[in-house]
Amino acid sequence: MGRKAAENRSRILRGIREGKWMPDTYVITLPESGNHIVDIRPVSLLTKAEREREDFLILGAAKGYGEACEVVRDMVDDMYRATGAFDWIQYMETLKEA
């Protein structure tokens, strides 16, 4: 989570689950297109069906697009350091082992 988002962590997580209007709040998700490493999406564009899907995975959250970009940069840096590649599945496995 971004620093600003972490200050309101429980409110943000509850708002995502309940489908509340949360302007300037973004989530980082697995990519919808195979050409991206991750997607940065405004919470307001998440559909009810996405929120209710059991396999829908939110990798991070941020207040503001700039903070979302910082969170993604940190995540990608960590992933590359751990795996030597841009592979989320392999990276998630390294986290389970830690």
C-alpha atoms as a PDB file:
ATOM      1  CA  MET A   1       0.000   0.000   0.000  1.00  0.00           C
ATOM      2  CA  GLY A   2       1.032   3.509  -0.591  1.00  0.00           C
ATOM      3  CA  ARG A   3       1.859   5.658   2.432  1.00  0.00           C
ATOM      4  CA  LYS A   4      -1.341   7.744   2.202  1.00  0.00           C
ATOM      5  CA  ALA A   5      -3.476   4.676   1.534  1.00  0.00           C
ATOM      6  CA  ALA A   6      -1.952   2.837   4.499  1.00  0.00           C
ATOM      7  CA  GLU A   7      -3.185   5.599   6.814  1.00  0.00           C
ATOM      8  CA  ASN A   8      -6.766   4.690   5.781  1.00  0.00           C
ATOM      9  CA  ARG A   9      -6.213   0.987   5.129  1.00  0.00           C
ATOM     10  CA  SER A  10      -9.336  -0.419   6.782  1.00  0.00           C
ATOM     11  CA  ARG A  11     -11.604   2.256   5.286  1.00  0.00           C
ATOM     12  CA  ILE A  12     -10.199   1.652   1.802  1.00  0.00           C
ATOM     13  CA  LEU A  13     -10.518  -2.143   2.020  1.00  0.00           C
ATOM     14  CA  ARG A  14     -14.071  -1.878   3.351  1.00  0.00           C
ATOM     15  CA  GLY A  15     -14.960   0.640   0.637  1.00  0.00           C
ATOM     16  CA  ILE A  16     -13.634  -1.653  -2.100  1.00  0.00           C
ATOM     17  CA  ARG A  17     -15.640  -4.620  -0.778  1.00  0.00           C
ATOM     18  CA  GLU A  18     -18.815  -2.562  -0.385  1.00  0.00           C
ATOM     19  CA  GLY A  19     -18.514  -0.771  -3.722  1.00  0.00           C
ATOM     20  CA  LYS A  20     -18.371   2.700  -2.199  1.00  0.00           C
ATOM     21  CA  TRP A  21     -17.486   5.783  -4.209  1.00  0.00           C
ATOM     22  CA  MET A  22     -13.831   6.485  -3.440  1.00  0.00           C
ATOM     23  CA  PRO A  23     -12.464   9.242  -5.650  1.00  0.00           C
ATOM     24  CA  ASP A  24      -8.712   9.371  -6.148  1.00  0.00           C
ATOM     25  CA  THR A  25      -8.233   5.834  -4.817  1.00  0.00           C
ATOM     26  CA  TYR A  26      -6.482   3.353  -7.093  1.00  0.00           C
ATOM     27  CA  VAL A  27      -5.814  -0.365  -7.003  1.00  0.00           C
ATOM     28  CA  ILE A  28      -3.012  -2.307  -8.623  1.00  0.00           C
ATOM     29  CA  THR A  29      -4.241  -5.548 -10.177  1.00  0.00           C
ATOM     30  CA  LEU A  30      -2.949  -8.307 -12.376  1.00  0.00           C
ATOM     31  CA  PRO A  31      -3.033  -7.168 -16.010  1.00  0.00           C
ATOM     32  CA  GLU A  32      -6.094  -7.630 -18.178  1.00  0.00           C
ATOM     33  CA  SER A  33      -3.794  -7.614 -21.215  1.00  0.00           C
ATOM     34  CA  GLY A  34      -0.791  -9.873 -21.627  1.00  0.00           C
ATOM     35  CA  ASN A  35       1.308  -6.846 -22.607  1.00  0.00           C
ATOM     36  CA  HIS A  36       1.420  -5.285 -19.137  1.00  0.00           C
ATOM     37  CA  ILE A  37       3.109  -6.187 -15.890  1.00  0.00           C
ATOM     38  CA  VAL A  38       0.232  -4.763 -13.788  1.00  0.00           C
ATOM     39  CA  ASP A  39      -2.752  -2.479 -14.226  1.00  0.00           C
ATOM     40  CA  ILE A  40      -3.443   0.687 -12.226  1.00  0.00           C
ATOM     41  CA  ARG A  41      -7.193   1.182 -11.990  1.00  0.00           C
ATOM     42  CA  PRO A  42      -9.423   3.686 -10.214  1.00  0.00           C
ATOM     43  CA  VAL A  43     -11.568   1.932  -7.620  1.00  0.00           C
ATOM     44  CA  SER A  44     -14.610   3.639  -9.139  1.00  0.00           C
ATOM     45  CA  LEU A  45     -14.139   1.563 -12.325  1.00  0.00           C
ATOM     46  CA  LEU A  46     -14.195  -1.812 -10.579  1.00  0.00           C
ATOM     47  CA  THR A  47     -17.378  -3.659 -11.405  1.00  0.00           C
ATOM     48  CA  LYS A  48     -19.513  -5.461  -8.857  1.00  0.00           C
ATOM     49  CA  ALA A  49     -18.768  -8.742 -10.629  1.00  0.00           C
ATOM     50  CA  GLU A  50     -15.007  -8.148 -10.296  1.00  0.00           C
ATOM     51  CA  ARG A  51     -15.292  -7.339  -6.615  1.00  0.00           C
ATOM     52  CA  GLU A  52     -17.273 -10.513  -5.973  1.00  0.00           C
ATOM     53  CA  ARG A  53     -15.057 -12.876  -7.988  1.00  0.00           C
ATOM     54  CA  GLU A  54     -13.072 -15.179  -5.736  1.00  0.00           C
ATOM     55  CA  ASP A  55     -10.030 -15.059  -8.016  1.00  0.00           C
ATOM     56  CA  PHE A  56      -9.931 -11.236  -8.283  1.00  0.00           C
ATOM     57  CA  LEU A  57      -6.602 -10.207  -6.800  1.00  0.00           C
ATOM     58  CA  ILE A  58      -5.677  -6.697  -5.693  1.00  0.00           C
ATOM     59  CA  LEU A  59      -1.913  -6.427  -5.401  1.00  0.00           C
ATOM     60  CA  GLY A  60      -1.841  -2.926  -3.920  1.00  0.00           C
ATOM     61  CA  ALA A  61      -3.779   0.257  -3.219  1.00  0.00           C
ATOM     62  CA  ALA A  62      -2.928   3.950  -3.290  1.00  0.00           C
ATOM     63  CA  LYS A  63      -4.385   7.410  -2.801  1.00  0.00           C
ATOM     64  CA  GLY A  64      -3.797   9.274  -6.051  1.00  0.00           C
ATOM     65  CA  TYR A  65      -2.340   8.146  -9.344  1.00  0.00           C
ATOM     66  CA  GLY A  66       1.145   9.383  -8.449  1.00  0.00           C
ATOM     67  CA  GLU A  67       1.243   7.265  -5.322  1.00  0.00           C
ATOM     68  CA  ALA A  68      -0.045   4.292  -7.349  1.00  0.00           C
ATOM     69  CA  CYS A  69       2.886   4.698  -9.743  1.00  0.00           C
ATOM     70  CA  GLU A  70       5.310   4.757  -6.799  1.00  0.00           C
ATOM     71  CA  VAL A  71       3.773   1.577  -5.376  1.00  0.00           C
ATOM     72  CA  VAL A  72       4.046  -0.164  -8.762  1.00  0.00           C
ATOM     73  CA  ARG A  73       7.680   0.911  -9.102  1.00  0.00           C
ATOM     74  CA  ASP A  74       8.471  -0.558  -5.668  1.00  0.00           C
ATOM     75  CA  MET A  75       6.587  -3.772  -6.463  1.00  0.00           C
ATOM     76  CA  VAL A  76       8.323  -4.263  -9.805  1.00  0.00           C
ATOM     77  CA  ASP A  77      11.732  -3.518  -8.258  1.00  0.00           C
ATOM     78  CA  ASP A  78      11.076  -6.138  -5.541  1.00  0.00           C
ATOM     79  CA  MET A  79       9.839  -8.654  -8.104  1.00  0.00           C
ATOM     80  CA  TYR A  80      12.878  -8.212 -10.326  1.00  0.00           C
ATOM     81  CA  ARG A  81      15.304  -8.442  -7.392  1.00  0.00           C
ATOM     82  CA  ALA A  82      13.648 -11.654  -6.176  1.00  0.00           C
ATOM     83  CA  THR A  83      13.234 -13.424  -9.523  1.00  0.00           C
ATOM     84  CA  GLY A  84      15.462 -11.718 -12.094  1.00  0.00           C
ATOM     85  CA  ALA A  85      12.387 -11.388 -14.316  1.00  0.00           C
ATOM     86  CA  PHE A  86       8.950  -9.807 -14.560  1.00  0.00           C
ATOM     87  CA  ASP A  87       6.995 -12.884 -13.520  1.00  0.00           C
ATOM     88  CA  TRP A  88       4.255 -12.388 -10.903  1.00  0.00           C
ATOM     89  CA  ILE A  89       3.607 -16.091 -10.421  1.00  0.00           C
ATOM     90  CA  GLN A  90       7.267 -16.826  -9.682  1.00  0.00           C
ATOM     91  CA  TYR A  91       7.456 -13.745  -7.437  1.00  0.00           C
ATOM     92  CA  MET A  92       4.396 -14.803  -5.422  1.00  0.00           C
ATOM     93  CA  GLU A  93       6.011 -18.214  -4.904  1.00  0.00           C
ATOM     94  CA  THR A  94       9.130 -16.540  -3.443  1.00  0.00           C
ATOM     95  CA  LEU A  95       6.901 -14.677  -0.978  1.00  0.00           C
ATOM     96  CA  LYS A  96       5.310 -17.945   0.189  1.00  0.00           C
ATOM     97  CA  GLU A  97       8.766 -19.398   0.834  1.00  0.00           C
ATOM     98  CA  ALA A  98       9.864 -16.432   2.979  1.00  0.00           C
END
